Amino acid sequence: MTVPMPKSWRPREVREKVIALVKKGLTASDDTPVGNEIAYVADLAADSIDLVELVLELETAFEIEIPDNEALKFKTVGETIAWIIKKLKEAGRLVQ
């Protein structure tokens, strides 16, 4: 039995997917503008449960593990995107 390889991602796709998940879980509307500078707590009023749920969604979507100590560092959407891109690059799953 062959194990399927995890998907490879382009940086643009990572950004789009993270923003989509943030909009789905942390905003009241798909029309809410979400960019790199948006802070989870200050701008989206996310609480710790919201952030745990987002991390679980990100782990599932990108087929990665996000250690708790790393997840606690995510203050903005941009920081999250940068960390995921770095992790995918290290795993050889980032294509340009």
N, C-alpha and C. Protein backbone atom coordinates (compact mmCIF):
# COMPACT_ATOMS: atom_id res chain seq x y z
N MET A 1 0.84 -1.18 0.00
CA MET A 1 0.00 0.00 0.00
C MET A 1 0.89 1.25 0.00
N THR A 2 0.61 2.14 -0.89
CA THR A 2 1.40 3.38 -0.98
C THR A 2 0.74 4.48 -0.16
N VAL A 3 1.59 5.20 0.54
CA VAL A 3 1.11 6.32 1.33
C VAL A 3 1.18 7.57 0.44
N PRO A 4 0.08 8.30 0.29
CA PRO A 4 0.11 9.48 -0.57
C PRO A 4 1.03 10.55 0.01
N MET A 5 1.73 11.23 -0.87
CA MET A 5 2.61 12.31 -0.46
C MET A 5 1.77 13.52 -0.08
N PRO A 6 2.19 14.23 0.96
CA PRO A 6 1.48 15.47 1.29
C PRO A 6 1.60 16.47 0.15
N LYS A 7 0.61 17.31 0.03
CA LYS A 7 0.56 18.30 -1.04
C LYS A 7 1.70 19.30 -0.92
N SER A 8 2.18 19.75 -2.07
CA SER A 8 3.13 20.86 -2.12
C SER A 8 2.34 22.15 -2.32
N TRP A 9 2.87 23.26 -1.83
CA TRP A 9 2.17 24.53 -1.85
C TRP A 9 3.04 25.61 -2.45
N ARG A 10 2.42 26.57 -3.09
CA ARG A 10 3.08 27.80 -3.51
C ARG A 10 2.84 28.84 -2.42
N PRO A 11 3.77 29.77 -2.22
CA PRO A 11 3.57 30.79 -1.18
C PRO A 11 2.22 31.52 -1.29
N ARG A 12 1.81 31.84 -2.51
CA ARG A 12 0.53 32.52 -2.71
C ARG A 12 -0.63 31.67 -2.22
N GLU A 13 -0.56 30.36 -2.48
CA GLU A 13 -1.61 29.44 -2.04
C GLU A 13 -1.66 29.35 -0.51
N VAL A 14 -0.49 29.36 0.11
CA VAL A 14 -0.43 29.32 1.58
C VAL A 14 -1.14 30.55 2.13
N ARG A 15 -0.79 31.71 1.59
CA ARG A 15 -1.40 32.97 2.06
C ARG A 15 -2.91 32.93 1.88
N GLU A 16 -3.37 32.51 0.72
CA GLU A 16 -4.81 32.46 0.44
C GLU A 16 -5.53 31.49 1.38
N LYS A 17 -4.92 30.34 1.64
CA LYS A 17 -5.55 29.33 2.50
C LYS A 17 -5.60 29.82 3.94
N VAL A 18 -4.51 30.41 4.44
CA VAL A 18 -4.51 30.92 5.82
C VAL A 18 -5.58 31.99 5.97
N ILE A 19 -5.64 32.91 5.03
CA ILE A 19 -6.64 33.98 5.10
C ILE A 19 -8.05 33.40 5.06
N ALA A 20 -8.28 32.41 4.21
CA ALA A 20 -9.60 31.78 4.13
C ALA A 20 -9.98 31.13 5.47
N LEU A 21 -9.03 30.46 6.10
CA LEU A 21 -9.31 29.82 7.39
C LEU A 21 -9.55 30.85 8.49
N VAL A 22 -8.81 31.95 8.45
CA VAL A 22 -9.02 33.02 9.43
C VAL A 22 -10.41 33.61 9.24
N LYS A 23 -10.77 33.87 8.00
CA LYS A 23 -12.10 34.43 7.73
C LYS A 23 -13.20 33.47 8.18
N LYS A 24 -13.00 32.19 7.91
CA LYS A 24 -14.01 31.19 8.27
C LYS A 24 -14.19 31.09 9.78
N GLY A 25 -13.09 31.13 10.51
CA GLY A 25 -13.18 30.88 11.94
C GLY A 25 -13.21 32.10 12.84
N LEU A 26 -12.69 33.23 12.36
CA LEU A 26 -12.51 34.36 13.27
C LEU A 26 -13.21 35.64 12.86
N THR A 27 -13.88 35.66 11.73
CA THR A 27 -14.55 36.89 11.32
C THR A 27 -16.05 36.64 11.16
N ALA A 28 -16.79 37.70 11.25
CA ALA A 28 -18.24 37.59 11.13
C ALA A 28 -18.69 37.50 9.69
N SER A 29 -17.81 37.88 8.75
CA SER A 29 -18.22 37.95 7.36
C SER A 29 -17.03 37.66 6.44
N ASP A 30 -17.32 37.05 5.30
CA ASP A 30 -16.27 36.83 4.30
C ASP A 30 -15.79 38.14 3.71
N ASP A 31 -16.56 39.21 3.89
CA ASP A 31 -16.19 40.52 3.37
C ASP A 31 -15.20 41.26 4.27
N THR A 32 -14.95 40.74 5.47
CA THR A 32 -14.02 41.37 6.39
C THR A 32 -12.62 41.32 5.78
N PRO A 33 -11.96 42.48 5.62
CA PRO A 33 -10.62 42.45 5.06
C PRO A 33 -9.62 41.81 6.03
N VAL A 34 -8.85 40.87 5.52
CA VAL A 34 -7.84 40.19 6.32
C VAL A 34 -6.54 40.23 5.54
N GLY A 35 -5.51 40.79 6.15
CA GLY A 35 -4.19 40.85 5.53
C GLY A 35 -3.12 40.49 6.53
N ASN A 36 -1.87 40.58 6.11
CA ASN A 36 -0.74 40.18 6.94
C ASN A 36 -0.70 40.88 8.28
N GLU A 37 -1.11 42.15 8.31
CA GLU A 37 -0.96 42.95 9.52
C GLU A 37 -2.08 42.73 10.53
N ILE A 38 -3.09 41.99 10.20
CA ILE A 38 -4.23 41.78 11.10
C ILE A 38 -3.79 40.94 12.31
N ALA A 39 -4.04 41.50 13.49
CA ALA A 39 -3.71 40.81 14.74
C ALA A 39 -4.93 40.03 15.22
N TYR A 40 -4.69 38.79 15.64
CA TYR A 40 -5.80 37.93 16.05
C TYR A 40 -6.59 38.50 17.22
N VAL A 41 -5.89 38.93 18.25
CA VAL A 41 -6.59 39.39 19.45
C VAL A 41 -7.06 40.83 19.29
N ALA A 42 -6.16 41.72 18.90
CA ALA A 42 -6.50 43.15 18.82
C ALA A 42 -7.52 43.46 17.73
N ASP A 43 -7.36 42.86 16.56
CA ASP A 43 -8.22 43.21 15.42
C ASP A 43 -9.44 42.30 15.27
N LEU A 44 -9.29 41.03 15.63
CA LEU A 44 -10.38 40.08 15.41
C LEU A 44 -11.03 39.61 16.71
N ALA A 45 -10.54 40.12 17.84
CA ALA A 45 -11.07 39.76 19.16
C ALA A 45 -11.11 38.26 19.40
N ALA A 46 -10.08 37.56 18.91
CA ALA A 46 -10.00 36.12 19.09
C ALA A 46 -9.61 35.81 20.53
N ASP A 47 -10.18 34.73 21.07
CA ASP A 47 -9.77 34.28 22.39
C ASP A 47 -8.94 33.00 22.24
N SER A 48 -8.51 32.44 23.34
CA SER A 48 -7.61 31.29 23.27
C SER A 48 -8.26 30.09 22.59
N ILE A 49 -9.55 29.90 22.78
CA ILE A 49 -10.24 28.78 22.13
C ILE A 49 -10.28 29.00 20.62
N ASP A 50 -10.55 30.23 20.20
CA ASP A 50 -10.54 30.55 18.76
C ASP A 50 -9.18 30.22 18.15
N LEU A 51 -8.12 30.57 18.86
CA LEU A 51 -6.77 30.37 18.33
C LEU A 51 -6.40 28.89 18.29
N VAL A 52 -6.82 28.12 19.29
CA VAL A 52 -6.58 26.67 19.27
C VAL A 52 -7.30 26.04 18.08
N GLU A 53 -8.54 26.45 17.86
CA GLU A 53 -9.30 25.92 16.72
C GLU A 53 -8.64 26.28 15.40
N LEU A 54 -8.13 27.52 15.29
CA LEU A 54 -7.44 27.93 14.07
C LEU A 54 -6.20 27.07 13.84
N VAL A 55 -5.42 26.86 14.89
CA VAL A 55 -4.20 26.04 14.75
C VAL A 55 -4.56 24.63 14.30
N LEU A 56 -5.60 24.05 14.85
CA LEU A 56 -6.03 22.71 14.42
C LEU A 56 -6.42 22.71 12.94
N GLU A 57 -7.13 23.75 12.52
CA GLU A 57 -7.50 23.88 11.10
C GLU A 57 -6.26 24.00 10.21
N LEU A 58 -5.30 24.78 10.65
CA LEU A 58 -4.06 24.96 9.88
C LEU A 58 -3.29 23.65 9.79
N GLU A 59 -3.20 22.92 10.90
CA GLU A 59 -2.50 21.63 10.89
C GLU A 59 -3.14 20.67 9.90
N THR A 60 -4.45 20.64 9.89
CA THR A 60 -5.16 19.75 8.97
C THR A 60 -4.97 20.18 7.53
N ALA A 61 -5.15 21.46 7.27
CA ALA A 61 -5.08 21.97 5.90
C ALA A 61 -3.69 21.76 5.29
N PHE A 62 -2.66 22.01 6.08
CA PHE A 62 -1.29 21.96 5.54
C PHE A 62 -0.56 20.66 5.87
N GLU A 63 -1.24 19.75 6.58
CA GLU A 63 -0.65 18.47 6.95
C GLU A 63 0.69 18.67 7.65
N ILE A 64 0.67 19.53 8.66
CA ILE A 64 1.86 19.81 9.46
C ILE A 64 1.48 19.78 10.93
N GLU A 65 2.50 19.73 11.78
CA GLU A 65 2.28 19.85 13.21
C GLU A 65 2.80 21.21 13.65
N ILE A 66 1.99 21.92 14.38
CA ILE A 66 2.39 23.22 14.90
C ILE A 66 2.53 23.06 16.41
N PRO A 67 3.76 23.01 16.92
CA PRO A 67 3.95 22.86 18.37
C PRO A 67 3.32 24.03 19.13
N ASP A 68 2.82 23.72 20.31
CA ASP A 68 2.16 24.76 21.12
C ASP A 68 3.04 25.98 21.33
N ASN A 69 4.33 25.76 21.61
CA ASN A 69 5.22 26.90 21.85
C ASN A 69 5.38 27.78 20.61
N GLU A 70 5.23 27.23 19.44
CA GLU A 70 5.28 28.02 18.20
C GLU A 70 3.94 28.72 17.97
N ALA A 71 2.86 28.00 18.18
CA ALA A 71 1.52 28.58 17.97
C ALA A 71 1.30 29.79 18.86
N LEU A 72 1.85 29.76 20.05
CA LEU A 72 1.70 30.89 20.98
C LEU A 72 2.38 32.16 20.46
N LYS A 73 3.30 32.01 19.53
CA LYS A 73 4.02 33.16 18.97
C LYS A 73 3.23 33.85 17.86
N PHE A 74 2.20 33.19 17.33
CA PHE A 74 1.44 33.76 16.23
C PHE A 74 0.56 34.90 16.74
N LYS A 75 0.95 36.11 16.44
CA LYS A 75 0.16 37.28 16.86
C LYS A 75 -0.62 37.87 15.68
N THR A 76 -0.07 37.73 14.47
CA THR A 76 -0.72 38.27 13.27
C THR A 76 -0.85 37.20 12.20
N VAL A 77 -1.68 37.50 11.24
CA VAL A 77 -1.85 36.60 10.10
C VAL A 77 -0.52 36.44 9.36
N GLY A 78 0.21 37.53 9.18
CA GLY A 78 1.49 37.49 8.49
C GLY A 78 2.51 36.59 9.17
N GLU A 79 2.55 36.63 10.50
CA GLU A 79 3.47 35.77 11.24
C GLU A 79 3.12 34.30 11.03
N THR A 80 1.84 34.02 10.99
CA THR A 80 1.38 32.65 10.77
C THR A 80 1.76 32.17 9.37
N ILE A 81 1.51 33.00 8.38
CA ILE A 81 1.85 32.65 7.00
C ILE A 81 3.35 32.40 6.87
N ALA A 82 4.16 33.29 7.42
CA ALA A 82 5.63 33.15 7.33
C ALA A 82 6.10 31.85 7.98
N TRP A 83 5.53 31.51 9.13
CA TRP A 83 5.94 30.29 9.83
C TRP A 83 5.57 29.05 9.00
N ILE A 84 4.37 29.04 8.46
CA ILE A 84 3.94 27.88 7.67
C ILE A 84 4.79 27.75 6.41
N ILE A 85 5.07 28.86 5.74
CA ILE A 85 5.93 28.80 4.54
C ILE A 85 7.30 28.24 4.90
N LYS A 86 7.86 28.71 6.01
CA LYS A 86 9.17 28.20 6.46
C LYS A 86 9.11 26.70 6.73
N LYS A 87 8.08 26.27 7.43
CA LYS A 87 7.92 24.84 7.76
C LYS A 87 7.77 24.00 6.49
N LEU A 88 6.95 24.46 5.55
CA LEU A 88 6.76 23.71 4.29
C LEU A 88 8.05 23.67 3.48
N LYS A 89 8.80 24.77 3.48
CA LYS A 89 10.08 24.82 2.76
C LYS A 89 11.06 23.81 3.36
N GLU A 90 11.13 23.77 4.69
CA GLU A 90 12.03 22.81 5.37
C GLU A 90 11.67 21.37 5.02
N ALA A 91 10.38 21.13 4.80
CA ALA A 91 9.90 19.78 4.49
C ALA A 91 9.97 19.47 3.00
N GLY A 92 10.45 20.43 2.19
CA GLY A 92 10.52 20.23 0.75
C GLY A 92 9.15 20.25 0.08
N ARG A 93 8.20 20.94 0.70
CA ARG A 93 6.84 20.97 0.17
C ARG A 93 6.41 22.36 -0.30
N LEU A 94 7.39 23.22 -0.52
CA LEU A 94 7.10 24.56 -1.01
C LEU A 94 7.68 24.68 -2.41
N VAL A 95 6.85 25.08 -3.34
CA VAL A 95 7.31 25.28 -4.72
C VAL A 95 7.18 26.74 -5.08
N GLN A 96 8.05 27.22 -5.92
CA GLN A 96 8.02 28.62 -6.31
C GLN A 96 7.27 28.76 -7.57
